[in-house]
Amino acid sequence: SDVVIVTLGELSVMDFEYSSRSSLNLPGKQLELL
């Protein structure tokens, strides 16, 4: 490709009631992909 649009982050259920986190890392292997 000429340009790559990488779409990373969290699922909406990860930003929700009863969905606190212990870290701010990109979940899963997203950083590896990036």
ModelCIF file with pLDDT and N, C-alpha, C, O atoms, coordinates in Angstrom:
data_MODEL
#
_entry.id   MODEL 
#
_entity.id                         1 
_entity.type                       polymer 
_entity.pdbx_number_of_molecules   1 
#
_entity_poly.entity_id                      1 
_entity_poly.type                           'polypeptide(L)' 
_entity_poly.nstd_linkage                   no 
_entity_poly.nstd_monomer                   no 
_entity_poly.pdbx_seq_one_letter_code       SDVVIVTLGELSVMDFEYSSRSSLNLPGKQLELL 
_entity_poly.pdbx_seq_one_letter_code_can   SDVVIVTLGELSVMDFEYSSRSSLNLPGKQLELL 
_entity_poly.pdbx_strand_id                 A 
#
loop_
_entity_poly_seq.entity_id 
_entity_poly_seq.num 
_entity_poly_seq.mon_id 
_entity_poly_seq.hetero 
1 1  SER n 
1 2  ASP n 
1 3  VAL n 
1 4  VAL n 
1 5  ILE n 
1 6  VAL n 
1 7  THR n 
1 8  LEU n 
1 9  GLY n 
1 10 GLU n 
1 11 LEU n 
1 12 SER n 
1 13 VAL n 
1 14 MET n 
1 15 ASP n 
1 16 PHE n 
1 17 GLU n 
1 18 TYR n 
1 19 SER n 
1 20 SER n 
1 21 ARG n 
1 22 SER n 
1 23 SER n 
1 24 LEU n 
1 25 ASN n 
1 26 LEU n 
1 27 PRO n 
1 28 GLY n 
1 29 LYS n 
1 30 GLN n 
1 31 LEU n 
1 32 GLU n 
1 33 LEU n 
1 34 LEU n 
#
_struct_asym.id          A 
_struct_asym.entity_id   1 
#
loop_
_ma_qa_metric.id 
_ma_qa_metric.mode 
_ma_qa_metric.name 
_ma_qa_metric.software_group_id 
_ma_qa_metric.type 
1 global pLDDT . pLDDT 
2 local  pLDDT . pLDDT 
#
_ma_qa_metric_global.metric_id      1 
_ma_qa_metric_global.metric_value   94.71 
_ma_qa_metric_global.model_id       1 
_ma_qa_metric_global.ordinal_id     1 
#
loop_
_ma_qa_metric_local.label_asym_id 
_ma_qa_metric_local.label_comp_id 
_ma_qa_metric_local.label_seq_id 
_ma_qa_metric_local.metric_id 
_ma_qa_metric_local.metric_value 
_ma_qa_metric_local.model_id 
_ma_qa_metric_local.ordinal_id 
A SER 1  2 98.00 1 1  
A ASP 2  2 98.00 1 2  
A VAL 3  2 98.00 1 3  
A VAL 4  2 98.00 1 4  
A ILE 5  2 98.00 1 5  
A VAL 6  2 98.00 1 6  
A THR 7  2 98.00 1 7  
A LEU 8  2 98.00 1 8  
A GLY 9  2 98.00 1 9  
A GLU 10 2 96.00 1 10 
A LEU 11 2 94.00 1 11 
A SER 12 2 93.00 1 12 
A VAL 13 2 91.00 1 13 
A MET 14 2 91.00 1 14 
A ASP 15 2 90.00 1 15 
A PHE 16 2 85.00 1 16 
A GLU 17 2 88.00 1 17 
A TYR 18 2 84.00 1 18 
A SER 19 2 88.00 1 19 
A SER 20 2 91.00 1 20 
A ARG 21 2 93.00 1 21 
A SER 22 2 93.00 1 22 
A SER 23 2 94.00 1 23 
A LEU 24 2 95.00 1 24 
A ASN 25 2 96.00 1 25 
A LEU 26 2 97.00 1 26 
A PRO 27 2 96.00 1 27 
A GLY 28 2 96.00 1 28 
A LYS 29 2 97.00 1 29 
A GLN 30 2 98.00 1 30 
A LEU 31 2 98.00 1 31 
A GLU 32 2 98.00 1 32 
A LEU 33 2 98.00 1 33 
A LEU 34 2 98.00 1 34 
#
loop_
_atom_site.group_PDB 
_atom_site.id 
_atom_site.type_symbol 
_atom_site.label_atom_id 
_atom_site.label_alt_id 
_atom_site.label_comp_id 
_atom_site.label_asym_id 
_atom_site.label_entity_id 
_atom_site.label_seq_id 
_atom_site.pdbx_PDB_ins_code 
_atom_site.Cartn_x 
_atom_site.Cartn_y 
_atom_site.Cartn_z 
_atom_site.occupancy 
_atom_site.B_iso_or_equiv 
_atom_site.pdbx_formal_charge 
_atom_site.auth_seq_id 
_atom_site.auth_comp_id 
_atom_site.auth_asym_id 
_atom_site.auth_atom_id 
_atom_site.pdbx_PDB_model_num 
ATOM 1   N N  . SER A 1 1  ? 0.821   -1.208 0.000  1.00 98.00 ? 1  SER A N  1 
ATOM 2   C CA . SER A 1 1  ? 0.000   0.000  0.000  1.00 98.00 ? 1  SER A CA 1 
ATOM 3   C C  . SER A 1 1  ? 0.853   1.256  0.000  1.00 98.00 ? 1  SER A C  1 
ATOM 4   O O  . SER A 1 1  ? 2.020   1.227  0.391  1.00 98.00 ? 1  SER A O  1 
ATOM 5   N N  . ASP A 1 2  ? 0.260   2.362  -0.443 1.00 98.00 ? 2  ASP A N  1 
ATOM 6   C CA . ASP A 1 2  ? 0.952   3.649  -0.455 1.00 98.00 ? 2  ASP A CA 1 
ATOM 7   C C  . ASP A 1 2  ? 0.918   4.323  0.913  1.00 98.00 ? 2  ASP A C  1 
ATOM 8   O O  . ASP A 1 2  ? 1.843   5.053  1.268  1.00 98.00 ? 2  ASP A O  1 
ATOM 9   N N  . VAL A 1 3  ? -0.120  4.086  1.666  1.00 98.00 ? 3  VAL A N  1 
ATOM 10  C CA . VAL A 1 3  ? -0.234  4.613  3.019  1.00 98.00 ? 3  VAL A CA 1 
ATOM 11  C C  . VAL A 1 3  ? -1.007  3.605  3.852  1.00 98.00 ? 3  VAL A C  1 
ATOM 12  O O  . VAL A 1 3  ? -1.904  2.929  3.348  1.00 98.00 ? 3  VAL A O  1 
ATOM 13  N N  . VAL A 1 4  ? -0.657  3.508  5.131  1.00 98.00 ? 4  VAL A N  1 
ATOM 14  C CA . VAL A 1 4  ? -1.294  2.542  6.028  1.00 98.00 ? 4  VAL A CA 1 
ATOM 15  C C  . VAL A 1 4  ? -2.016  3.306  7.142  1.00 98.00 ? 4  VAL A C  1 
ATOM 16  O O  . VAL A 1 4  ? -1.404  4.068  7.890  1.00 98.00 ? 4  VAL A O  1 
ATOM 17  N N  . ILE A 1 5  ? -3.312  3.088  7.232  1.00 98.00 ? 5  ILE A N  1 
ATOM 18  C CA . ILE A 1 5  ? -4.120  3.649  8.317  1.00 98.00 ? 5  ILE A CA 1 
ATOM 19  C C  . ILE A 1 5  ? -4.285  2.557  9.360  1.00 98.00 ? 5  ILE A C  1 
ATOM 20  O O  . ILE A 1 5  ? -4.989  1.575  9.124  1.00 98.00 ? 5  ILE A O  1 
ATOM 21  N N  . VAL A 1 6  ? -3.647  2.717  10.501 1.00 98.00 ? 6  VAL A N  1 
ATOM 22  C CA . VAL A 1 6  ? -3.688  1.699  11.552 1.00 98.00 ? 6  VAL A CA 1 
ATOM 23  C C  . VAL A 1 6  ? -4.718  2.127  12.597 1.00 98.00 ? 6  VAL A C  1 
ATOM 24  O O  . VAL A 1 6  ? -4.636  3.227  13.143 1.00 98.00 ? 6  VAL A O  1 
ATOM 25  N N  . THR A 1 7  ? -5.673  1.263  12.866 1.00 98.00 ? 7  THR A N  1 
ATOM 26  C CA . THR A 1 7  ? -6.792  1.573  13.761 1.00 98.00 ? 7  THR A CA 1 
ATOM 27  C C  . THR A 1 7  ? -6.687  0.720  15.023 1.00 98.00 ? 7  THR A C  1 
ATOM 28  O O  . THR A 1 7  ? -7.069  -0.450 15.025 1.00 98.00 ? 7  THR A O  1 
ATOM 29  N N  . LEU A 1 8  ? -6.170  1.312  16.083 1.00 98.00 ? 8  LEU A N  1 
ATOM 30  C CA . LEU A 1 8  ? -5.918  0.585  17.321 1.00 98.00 ? 8  LEU A CA 1 
ATOM 31  C C  . LEU A 1 8  ? -6.682  1.223  18.477 1.00 98.00 ? 8  LEU A C  1 
ATOM 32  O O  . LEU A 1 8  ? -7.278  2.291  18.334 1.00 98.00 ? 8  LEU A O  1 
ATOM 33  N N  . GLY A 1 9  ? -6.654  0.551  19.616 1.00 98.00 ? 9  GLY A N  1 
ATOM 34  C CA . GLY A 1 9  ? -7.293  1.107  20.802 1.00 98.00 ? 9  GLY A CA 1 
ATOM 35  C C  . GLY A 1 9  ? -7.924  0.041  21.662 1.00 98.00 ? 9  GLY A C  1 
ATOM 36  O O  . GLY A 1 9  ? -7.305  -0.982 21.954 1.00 98.00 ? 9  GLY A O  1 
ATOM 37  N N  . GLU A 1 10 ? -9.168  0.280  22.070 1.00 96.00 ? 10 GLU A N  1 
ATOM 38  C CA . GLU A 1 10 ? -9.887  -0.629 22.948 1.00 96.00 ? 10 GLU A CA 1 
ATOM 39  C C  . GLU A 1 10 ? -11.281 -0.895 22.382 1.00 96.00 ? 10 GLU A C  1 
ATOM 40  O O  . GLU A 1 10 ? -11.830 -0.074 21.648 1.00 96.00 ? 10 GLU A O  1 
ATOM 41  N N  . LEU A 1 11 ? -11.839 -2.038 22.727 1.00 94.00 ? 11 LEU A N  1 
ATOM 42  C CA . LEU A 1 11 ? -13.246 -2.281 22.437 1.00 94.00 ? 11 LEU A CA 1 
ATOM 43  C C  . LEU A 1 11 ? -14.090 -1.388 23.343 1.00 94.00 ? 11 LEU A C  1 
ATOM 44  O O  . LEU A 1 11 ? -13.641 -0.988 24.418 1.00 94.00 ? 11 LEU A O  1 
ATOM 45  N N  . SER A 1 12 ? -15.299 -1.080 22.914 1.00 93.00 ? 12 SER A N  1 
ATOM 46  C CA . SER A 1 12 ? -16.119 -0.182 23.723 1.00 93.00 ? 12 SER A CA 1 
ATOM 47  C C  . SER A 1 12 ? -16.424 -0.774 25.101 1.00 93.00 ? 12 SER A C  1 
ATOM 48  O O  . SER A 1 12 ? -16.609 -0.021 26.057 1.00 93.00 ? 12 SER A O  1 
ATOM 49  N N  . VAL A 1 13 ? -16.482 -2.110 25.228 1.00 91.00 ? 13 VAL A N  1 
ATOM 50  C CA . VAL A 1 13 ? -16.733 -2.712 26.537 1.00 91.00 ? 13 VAL A CA 1 
ATOM 51  C C  . VAL A 1 13 ? -15.530 -2.596 27.462 1.00 91.00 ? 13 VAL A C  1 
ATOM 52  O O  . VAL A 1 13 ? -15.625 -2.915 28.647 1.00 91.00 ? 13 VAL A O  1 
ATOM 53  N N  . MET A 1 14 ? -14.397 -2.141 26.929 1.00 91.00 ? 14 MET A N  1 
ATOM 54  C CA . MET A 1 14 ? -13.228 -1.906 27.763 1.00 91.00 ? 14 MET A CA 1 
ATOM 55  C C  . MET A 1 14 ? -13.245 -0.506 28.377 1.00 91.00 ? 14 MET A C  1 
ATOM 56  O O  . MET A 1 14 ? -12.449 -0.210 29.268 1.00 91.00 ? 14 MET A O  1 
ATOM 57  N N  . ASP A 1 15 ? -14.146 0.355  27.907 1.00 90.00 ? 15 ASP A N  1 
ATOM 58  C CA . ASP A 1 15 ? -14.321 1.707  28.424 1.00 90.00 ? 15 ASP A CA 1 
ATOM 59  C C  . ASP A 1 15 ? -15.746 1.836  28.925 1.00 90.00 ? 15 ASP A C  1 
ATOM 60  O O  . ASP A 1 15 ? -16.582 2.477  28.287 1.00 90.00 ? 15 ASP A O  1 
ATOM 61  N N  . PHE A 1 16 ? -16.020 1.228  30.064 1.00 85.00 ? 16 PHE A N  1 
ATOM 62  C CA . PHE A 1 16 ? -17.411 1.026  30.451 1.00 85.00 ? 16 PHE A CA 1 
ATOM 63  C C  . PHE A 1 16 ? -17.477 0.871  31.957 1.00 85.00 ? 16 PHE A C  1 
ATOM 64  O O  . PHE A 1 16 ? -16.445 0.787  32.623 1.00 85.00 ? 16 PHE A O  1 
ATOM 65  N N  . GLU A 1 17 ? -18.685 0.833  32.497 1.00 88.00 ? 17 GLU A N  1 
ATOM 66  C CA . GLU A 1 17 ? -18.848 0.514  33.901 1.00 88.00 ? 17 GLU A CA 1 
ATOM 67  C C  . GLU A 1 17 ? -18.266 -0.869 34.177 1.00 88.00 ? 17 GLU A C  1 
ATOM 68  O O  . GLU A 1 17 ? -18.392 -1.792 33.372 1.00 88.00 ? 17 GLU A O  1 
ATOM 69  N N  . TYR A 1 18 ? -17.620 -0.986 35.349 1.00 84.00 ? 18 TYR A N  1 
ATOM 70  C CA . TYR A 1 18 ? -17.015 -2.247 35.752 1.00 84.00 ? 18 TYR A CA 1 
ATOM 71  C C  . TYR A 1 18 ? -15.922 -2.660 34.762 1.00 84.00 ? 18 TYR A C  1 
ATOM 72  O O  . TYR A 1 18 ? -15.717 -3.850 34.522 1.00 84.00 ? 18 TYR A O  1 
ATOM 73  N N  . SER A 1 19 ? -15.218 -1.673 34.187 1.00 88.00 ? 19 SER A N  1 
ATOM 74  C CA . SER A 1 19 ? -14.177 -1.970 33.197 1.00 88.00 ? 19 SER A CA 1 
ATOM 75  C C  . SER A 1 19 ? -12.935 -1.127 33.438 1.00 88.00 ? 19 SER A C  1 
ATOM 76  O O  . SER A 1 19 ? -12.391 -0.523 32.514 1.00 88.00 ? 19 SER A O  1 
ATOM 77  N N  . SER A 1 20 ? -12.496 -1.095 34.681 1.00 91.00 ? 20 SER A N  1 
ATOM 78  C CA . SER A 1 20 ? -11.252 -0.399 34.990 1.00 91.00 ? 20 SER A CA 1 
ATOM 79  C C  . SER A 1 20 ? -10.067 -1.252 34.561 1.00 91.00 ? 20 SER A C  1 
ATOM 80  O O  . SER A 1 20 ? -10.192 -2.457 34.342 1.00 91.00 ? 20 SER A O  1 
ATOM 81  N N  . ARG A 1 21 ? -8.900  -0.590 34.445 1.00 93.00 ? 21 ARG A N  1 
ATOM 82  C CA . ARG A 1 21 ? -7.697  -1.281 33.988 1.00 93.00 ? 21 ARG A CA 1 
ATOM 83  C C  . ARG A 1 21 ? -6.547  -1.049 34.948 1.00 93.00 ? 21 ARG A C  1 
ATOM 84  O O  . ARG A 1 21 ? -6.510  -0.039 35.650 1.00 93.00 ? 21 ARG A O  1 
ATOM 85  N N  . SER A 1 22 ? -5.612  -1.980 34.979 1.00 93.00 ? 22 SER A N  1 
ATOM 86  C CA . SER A 1 22 ? -4.424  -1.806 35.807 1.00 93.00 ? 22 SER A CA 1 
ATOM 87  C C  . SER A 1 22 ? -3.305  -1.113 35.050 1.00 93.00 ? 22 SER A C  1 
ATOM 88  O O  . SER A 1 22 ? -2.372  -0.599 35.668 1.00 93.00 ? 22 SER A O  1 
ATOM 89  N N  . SER A 1 23 ? -3.379  -1.088 33.717 1.00 94.00 ? 23 SER A N  1 
ATOM 90  C CA . SER A 1 23 ? -2.353  -0.444 32.907 1.00 94.00 ? 23 SER A CA 1 
ATOM 91  C C  . SER A 1 23 ? -3.019  0.315  31.778 1.00 94.00 ? 23 SER A C  1 
ATOM 92  O O  . SER A 1 23 ? -4.232  0.231  31.587 1.00 94.00 ? 23 SER A O  1 
ATOM 93  N N  . LEU A 1 24 ? -2.211  1.060  31.028 1.00 95.00 ? 24 LEU A N  1 
ATOM 94  C CA . LEU A 1 24 ? -2.705  1.797  29.871 1.00 95.00 ? 24 LEU A CA 1 
ATOM 95  C C  . LEU A 1 24 ? -2.124  1.245  28.575 1.00 95.00 ? 24 LEU A C  1 
ATOM 96  O O  . LEU A 1 24 ? -2.186  1.909  27.540 1.00 95.00 ? 24 LEU A O  1 
ATOM 97  N N  . ASN A 1 25 ? -1.567  0.051  28.618 1.00 96.00 ? 25 ASN A N  1 
ATOM 98  C CA . ASN A 1 25 ? -0.978  -0.544 27.424 1.00 96.00 ? 25 ASN A CA 1 
ATOM 99  C C  . ASN A 1 25 ? -2.042  -0.815 26.364 1.00 96.00 ? 25 ASN A C  1 
ATOM 100 O O  . ASN A 1 25 ? -3.207  -1.046 26.688 1.00 96.00 ? 25 ASN A O  1 
ATOM 101 N N  . LEU A 1 26 ? -1.634  -0.786 25.099 1.00 97.00 ? 26 LEU A N  1 
ATOM 102 C CA . LEU A 1 26 ? -2.528  -1.219 24.030 1.00 97.00 ? 26 LEU A CA 1 
ATOM 103 C C  . LEU A 1 26 ? -2.840  -2.697 24.252 1.00 97.00 ? 26 LEU A C  1 
ATOM 104 O O  . LEU A 1 26 ? -1.917  -3.510 24.308 1.00 97.00 ? 26 LEU A O  1 
ATOM 105 N N  . PRO A 1 27 ? -4.115  -3.066 24.380 1.00 96.00 ? 27 PRO A N  1 
ATOM 106 C CA . PRO A 1 27 ? -4.453  -4.465 24.681 1.00 96.00 ? 27 PRO A CA 1 
ATOM 107 C C  . PRO A 1 27 ? -3.978  -5.421 23.581 1.00 96.00 ? 27 PRO A C  1 
ATOM 108 O O  . PRO A 1 27 ? -3.896  -5.070 22.405 1.00 96.00 ? 27 PRO A O  1 
ATOM 109 N N  . GLY A 1 28 ? -3.672  -6.636 24.017 1.00 96.00 ? 28 GLY A N  1 
ATOM 110 C CA . GLY A 1 28 ? -3.295  -7.683 23.073 1.00 96.00 ? 28 GLY A CA 1 
ATOM 111 C C  . GLY A 1 28 ? -1.974  -7.387 22.378 1.00 96.00 ? 28 GLY A C  1 
ATOM 112 O O  . GLY A 1 28 ? -1.066  -6.801 22.969 1.00 96.00 ? 28 GLY A O  1 
ATOM 113 N N  . LYS A 1 29 ? -1.876  -7.800 21.110 1.00 97.00 ? 29 LYS A N  1 
ATOM 114 C CA . LYS A 1 29 ? -0.636  -7.653 20.346 1.00 97.00 ? 29 LYS A CA 1 
ATOM 115 C C  . LYS A 1 29 ? -0.689  -6.455 19.387 1.00 97.00 ? 29 LYS A C  1 
ATOM 116 O O  . LYS A 1 29 ? -0.065  -6.467 18.326 1.00 97.00 ? 29 LYS A O  1 
ATOM 117 N N  . GLN A 1 30 ? -1.444  -5.427 19.782 1.00 98.00 ? 30 GLN A N  1 
ATOM 118 C CA . GLN A 1 30 ? -1.576  -4.272 18.906 1.00 98.00 ? 30 GLN A CA 1 
ATOM 119 C C  . GLN A 1 30 ? -0.253  -3.533 18.713 1.00 98.00 ? 30 GLN A C  1 
ATOM 120 O O  . GLN A 1 30 ? 0.060   -3.099 17.604 1.00 98.00 ? 30 GLN A O  1 
ATOM 121 N N  . LEU A 1 31 ? 0.519   -3.390 19.779 1.00 98.00 ? 31 LEU A N  1 
ATOM 122 C CA . LEU A 1 31 ? 1.799   -2.697 19.649 1.00 98.00 ? 31 LEU A CA 1 
ATOM 123 C C  . LEU A 1 31 ? 2.744   -3.486 18.746 1.00 98.00 ? 31 LEU A C  1 
ATOM 124 O O  . LEU A 1 31 ? 3.472   -2.904 17.942 1.00 98.00 ? 31 LEU A O  1 
ATOM 125 N N  . GLU A 1 32 ? 2.729   -4.800 18.880 1.00 98.00 ? 32 GLU A N  1 
ATOM 126 C CA . GLU A 1 32 ? 3.554   -5.634 18.006 1.00 98.00 ? 32 GLU A CA 1 
ATOM 127 C C  . GLU A 1 32 ? 3.168   -5.424 16.541 1.00 98.00 ? 32 GLU A C  1 
ATOM 128 O O  . GLU A 1 32 ? 4.039   -5.303 15.680 1.00 98.00 ? 32 GLU A O  1 
ATOM 129 N N  . LEU A 1 33 ? 1.881   -5.381 16.262 1.00 98.00 ? 33 LEU A N  1 
ATOM 130 C CA . LEU A 1 33 ? 1.408   -5.128 14.908 1.00 98.00 ? 33 LEU A CA 1 
ATOM 131 C C  . LEU A 1 33 ? 1.888   -3.769 14.414 1.00 98.00 ? 33 LEU A C  1 
ATOM 132 O O  . LEU A 1 33 ? 2.356   -3.646 13.282 1.00 98.00 ? 33 LEU A O  1 
ATOM 133 N N  . LEU A 1 34 ? 1.773   -2.750 15.259 1.00 98.00 ? 34 LEU A N  1 
ATOM 134 C CA . LEU A 1 34 ? 2.186   -1.404 14.871 1.00 98.00 ? 34 LEU A CA 1 
ATOM 135 C C  . LEU A 1 34 ? 3.694   -1.346 14.594 1.00 98.00 ? 34 LEU A C  1 
ATOM 136 O O  . LEU A 1 34 ? 4.218   -0.285 14.253 1.00 98.00 ? 34 LEU A O  1 
#
